[in-house]
N, C-alpha and C. Protein backbone atom coordinates (compact mmCIF):
# COMPACT_ATOMS: atom_id res chain seq x y z
N MET A 1 3.93 -6.35 19.22
CA MET A 1 2.67 -6.77 18.62
C MET A 1 1.71 -5.60 18.53
N ASN A 2 0.67 -5.79 17.72
CA ASN A 2 -0.34 -4.75 17.54
C ASN A 2 -1.35 -4.82 18.67
N ASP A 3 -1.50 -3.72 19.38
CA ASP A 3 -2.46 -3.64 20.47
C ASP A 3 -3.67 -2.87 19.96
N PRO A 4 -4.87 -3.50 19.87
CA PRO A 4 -6.03 -2.81 19.31
C PRO A 4 -6.45 -1.59 20.11
N SER A 5 -6.14 -1.53 21.40
CA SER A 5 -6.54 -0.39 22.20
C SER A 5 -5.64 0.82 21.98
N ASN A 6 -4.44 0.60 21.39
CA ASN A 6 -3.51 1.69 21.15
C ASN A 6 -3.04 1.65 19.70
N PRO A 7 -3.90 2.04 18.75
CA PRO A 7 -3.50 1.97 17.33
C PRO A 7 -2.47 3.06 17.00
N GLU A 8 -1.63 2.74 16.04
CA GLU A 8 -0.65 3.73 15.59
C GLU A 8 -1.35 4.72 14.67
N PRO A 9 -0.93 5.97 14.70
CA PRO A 9 -1.57 6.96 13.81
C PRO A 9 -1.26 6.65 12.35
N ILE A 10 -2.23 6.88 11.50
CA ILE A 10 -2.07 6.65 10.08
C ILE A 10 -1.46 7.90 9.46
N PRO A 11 -0.37 7.76 8.73
CA PRO A 11 0.23 8.96 8.12
C PRO A 11 -0.69 9.53 7.05
N THR A 12 -0.77 10.85 7.00
CA THR A 12 -1.62 11.51 6.01
C THR A 12 -0.75 12.15 4.95
N GLN A 13 -1.35 12.28 3.78
CA GLN A 13 -0.63 12.91 2.68
C GLN A 13 -1.01 14.37 2.61
N LYS A 14 -0.03 15.21 2.35
CA LYS A 14 -0.29 16.64 2.19
C LYS A 14 -0.51 16.91 0.71
N SER A 15 -1.57 17.64 0.41
CA SER A 15 -1.81 17.96 -1.00
C SER A 15 -0.95 19.16 -1.39
N VAL A 16 -0.28 19.01 -2.51
CA VAL A 16 0.59 20.06 -3.01
C VAL A 16 0.07 20.48 -4.37
N ALA A 17 -0.12 21.78 -4.54
CA ALA A 17 -0.59 22.28 -5.83
C ALA A 17 0.59 22.28 -6.80
N VAL A 18 0.41 21.60 -7.91
CA VAL A 18 1.45 21.53 -8.94
C VAL A 18 0.91 22.16 -10.20
N GLU A 19 1.64 23.13 -10.74
CA GLU A 19 1.21 23.77 -11.97
C GLU A 19 1.63 22.92 -13.16
N PRO A 20 0.75 22.79 -14.16
CA PRO A 20 1.11 22.01 -15.34
C PRO A 20 2.20 22.74 -16.13
N PRO A 21 3.02 22.00 -16.86
CA PRO A 21 4.02 22.65 -17.69
C PRO A 21 3.36 23.56 -18.72
N PRO A 22 4.07 24.55 -19.23
CA PRO A 22 3.46 25.49 -20.17
C PRO A 22 2.87 24.84 -21.41
N SER A 23 3.46 23.74 -21.87
CA SER A 23 2.94 23.08 -23.07
C SER A 23 1.56 22.49 -22.84
N GLN A 24 1.28 22.05 -21.61
CA GLN A 24 -0.02 21.47 -21.31
C GLN A 24 -1.07 22.54 -21.04
N SER A 25 -0.67 23.69 -20.51
CA SER A 25 -1.66 24.72 -20.20
C SER A 25 -2.23 25.34 -21.47
N THR A 26 -1.46 25.38 -22.56
CA THR A 26 -1.98 25.92 -23.81
C THR A 26 -2.91 24.94 -24.51
N LYS A 27 -2.80 23.67 -24.21
CA LYS A 27 -3.64 22.66 -24.83
C LYS A 27 -4.87 22.34 -24.00
N ALA A 28 -5.16 23.15 -22.99
CA ALA A 28 -6.27 22.86 -22.08
C ALA A 28 -7.61 22.89 -22.80
N ASN A 29 -7.74 23.72 -23.84
CA ASN A 29 -9.02 23.85 -24.54
C ASN A 29 -9.22 22.76 -25.58
N GLU A 30 -8.17 22.04 -25.97
CA GLU A 30 -8.29 21.00 -26.99
C GLU A 30 -8.82 19.72 -26.38
N PRO A 31 -9.69 18.99 -27.09
CA PRO A 31 -10.15 17.70 -26.57
C PRO A 31 -9.01 16.68 -26.65
N PRO A 32 -9.05 15.64 -25.83
CA PRO A 32 -8.00 14.62 -25.90
C PRO A 32 -8.04 13.93 -27.26
N PRO A 33 -6.89 13.48 -27.76
CA PRO A 33 -6.87 12.83 -29.08
C PRO A 33 -7.67 11.54 -29.07
N SER A 34 -8.26 11.21 -30.21
CA SER A 34 -9.09 10.01 -30.30
C SER A 34 -8.21 8.77 -30.28
N PHE A 35 -8.82 7.63 -30.03
CA PHE A 35 -8.09 6.38 -29.98
C PHE A 35 -7.50 6.04 -31.35
N VAL A 36 -8.20 6.40 -32.42
CA VAL A 36 -7.70 6.14 -33.77
C VAL A 36 -6.43 6.96 -34.01
N LYS A 37 -6.47 8.23 -33.61
CA LYS A 37 -5.30 9.09 -33.79
C LYS A 37 -4.11 8.57 -32.98
N LEU A 38 -4.36 8.14 -31.76
CA LEU A 38 -3.28 7.58 -30.93
C LEU A 38 -2.74 6.29 -31.54
N ALA A 39 -3.62 5.44 -32.08
CA ALA A 39 -3.18 4.19 -32.69
C ALA A 39 -2.35 4.46 -33.93
N MET A 40 -2.77 5.43 -34.74
CA MET A 40 -2.01 5.77 -35.94
C MET A 40 -0.64 6.33 -35.57
N ARG A 41 -0.59 7.19 -34.55
CA ARG A 41 0.69 7.75 -34.11
C ARG A 41 1.61 6.65 -33.60
N ASN A 42 1.03 5.70 -32.88
CA ASN A 42 1.82 4.59 -32.35
C ASN A 42 2.34 3.71 -33.49
N MET A 43 1.50 3.48 -34.52
CA MET A 43 1.94 2.66 -35.66
C MET A 43 3.08 3.31 -36.41
N VAL A 44 2.99 4.62 -36.58
CA VAL A 44 4.06 5.34 -37.28
C VAL A 44 5.35 5.27 -36.47
N LYS A 45 5.21 5.40 -35.15
CA LYS A 45 6.41 5.38 -34.30
C LYS A 45 7.05 4.00 -34.27
N LYS A 46 6.24 2.94 -34.22
CA LYS A 46 6.77 1.58 -34.13
C LYS A 46 7.26 1.06 -35.48
N GLY A 47 6.67 1.54 -36.57
CA GLY A 47 7.14 1.20 -37.91
C GLY A 47 6.96 -0.25 -38.29
N GLY A 48 8.07 -0.97 -38.51
CA GLY A 48 8.05 -2.34 -39.04
C GLY A 48 7.33 -3.34 -38.15
N LYS A 49 7.38 -3.13 -36.85
CA LYS A 49 6.74 -4.07 -35.93
C LYS A 49 5.22 -4.07 -36.14
N SER A 50 4.65 -2.90 -36.32
CA SER A 50 3.21 -2.80 -36.55
C SER A 50 2.82 -3.46 -37.86
N LEU A 51 3.62 -3.23 -38.90
CA LEU A 51 3.32 -3.85 -40.20
C LEU A 51 3.41 -5.36 -40.12
N PHE A 52 4.41 -5.86 -39.39
CA PHE A 52 4.55 -7.31 -39.22
C PHE A 52 3.34 -7.88 -38.50
N HIS A 53 2.90 -7.23 -37.43
CA HIS A 53 1.74 -7.73 -36.68
C HIS A 53 0.46 -7.65 -37.51
N PHE A 54 0.31 -6.58 -38.30
CA PHE A 54 -0.85 -6.46 -39.17
C PHE A 54 -0.86 -7.58 -40.21
N THR A 55 0.30 -7.85 -40.82
CA THR A 55 0.40 -8.92 -41.82
C THR A 55 0.11 -10.28 -41.19
N LEU A 56 0.66 -10.51 -40.02
CA LEU A 56 0.44 -11.78 -39.31
C LEU A 56 -1.04 -11.96 -38.98
N THR A 57 -1.69 -10.91 -38.52
CA THR A 57 -3.12 -10.98 -38.19
C THR A 57 -3.96 -11.22 -39.44
N SER A 58 -3.62 -10.52 -40.52
CA SER A 58 -4.36 -10.71 -41.77
C SER A 58 -4.21 -12.13 -42.30
N ALA A 59 -2.99 -12.67 -42.26
CA ALA A 59 -2.76 -14.04 -42.73
C ALA A 59 -3.49 -15.05 -41.84
N GLY A 60 -3.50 -14.82 -40.55
CA GLY A 60 -4.21 -15.71 -39.64
C GLY A 60 -5.70 -15.70 -39.87
N LEU A 61 -6.26 -14.51 -40.06
CA LEU A 61 -7.69 -14.40 -40.32
C LEU A 61 -8.06 -15.06 -41.65
N LEU A 62 -7.24 -14.84 -42.65
CA LEU A 62 -7.48 -15.47 -43.95
C LEU A 62 -7.41 -17.00 -43.83
N ALA A 63 -6.44 -17.51 -43.07
CA ALA A 63 -6.32 -18.95 -42.88
C ALA A 63 -7.55 -19.53 -42.16
N VAL A 64 -8.05 -18.80 -41.17
CA VAL A 64 -9.24 -19.27 -40.45
C VAL A 64 -10.44 -19.30 -41.39
N LEU A 65 -10.61 -18.25 -42.19
CA LEU A 65 -11.75 -18.21 -43.11
C LEU A 65 -11.66 -19.30 -44.18
N VAL A 66 -10.48 -19.51 -44.74
CA VAL A 66 -10.30 -20.57 -45.75
C VAL A 66 -10.51 -21.94 -45.09
N GLY A 67 -10.02 -22.12 -43.88
CA GLY A 67 -10.20 -23.39 -43.17
C GLY A 67 -11.67 -23.68 -42.90
N LEU A 68 -12.41 -22.66 -42.47
CA LEU A 68 -13.84 -22.83 -42.22
C LEU A 68 -14.58 -23.12 -43.52
N ALA A 69 -14.21 -22.44 -44.59
CA ALA A 69 -14.85 -22.68 -45.88
C ALA A 69 -14.59 -24.11 -46.35
N TYR A 70 -13.39 -24.59 -46.12
CA TYR A 70 -13.04 -25.97 -46.53
C TYR A 70 -13.82 -27.00 -45.69
N LEU A 71 -13.93 -26.74 -44.39
CA LEU A 71 -14.62 -27.70 -43.52
C LEU A 71 -16.12 -27.72 -43.75
N THR A 72 -16.70 -26.62 -44.16
CA THR A 72 -18.16 -26.54 -44.30
C THR A 72 -18.62 -26.64 -45.74
N ARG A 73 -17.79 -27.11 -46.66
CA ARG A 73 -18.20 -27.19 -48.07
C ARG A 73 -19.17 -28.33 -48.29
């Protein structure tokens, strides 16, 4: 059992200096890419899945707007 008068020592972590890979050290002066740029890169990489989701979202939004227009006429 745990005895409060005799606690076990807590293990400590040793800090180790790690050098970044050469590709990252040359990009140190560049700002991080914007969210738009990352989203575009992701869309290009995913291809058809992104287009399907965009089409589905557009159709859903259009259906909601047409439905609201019909209900409030």
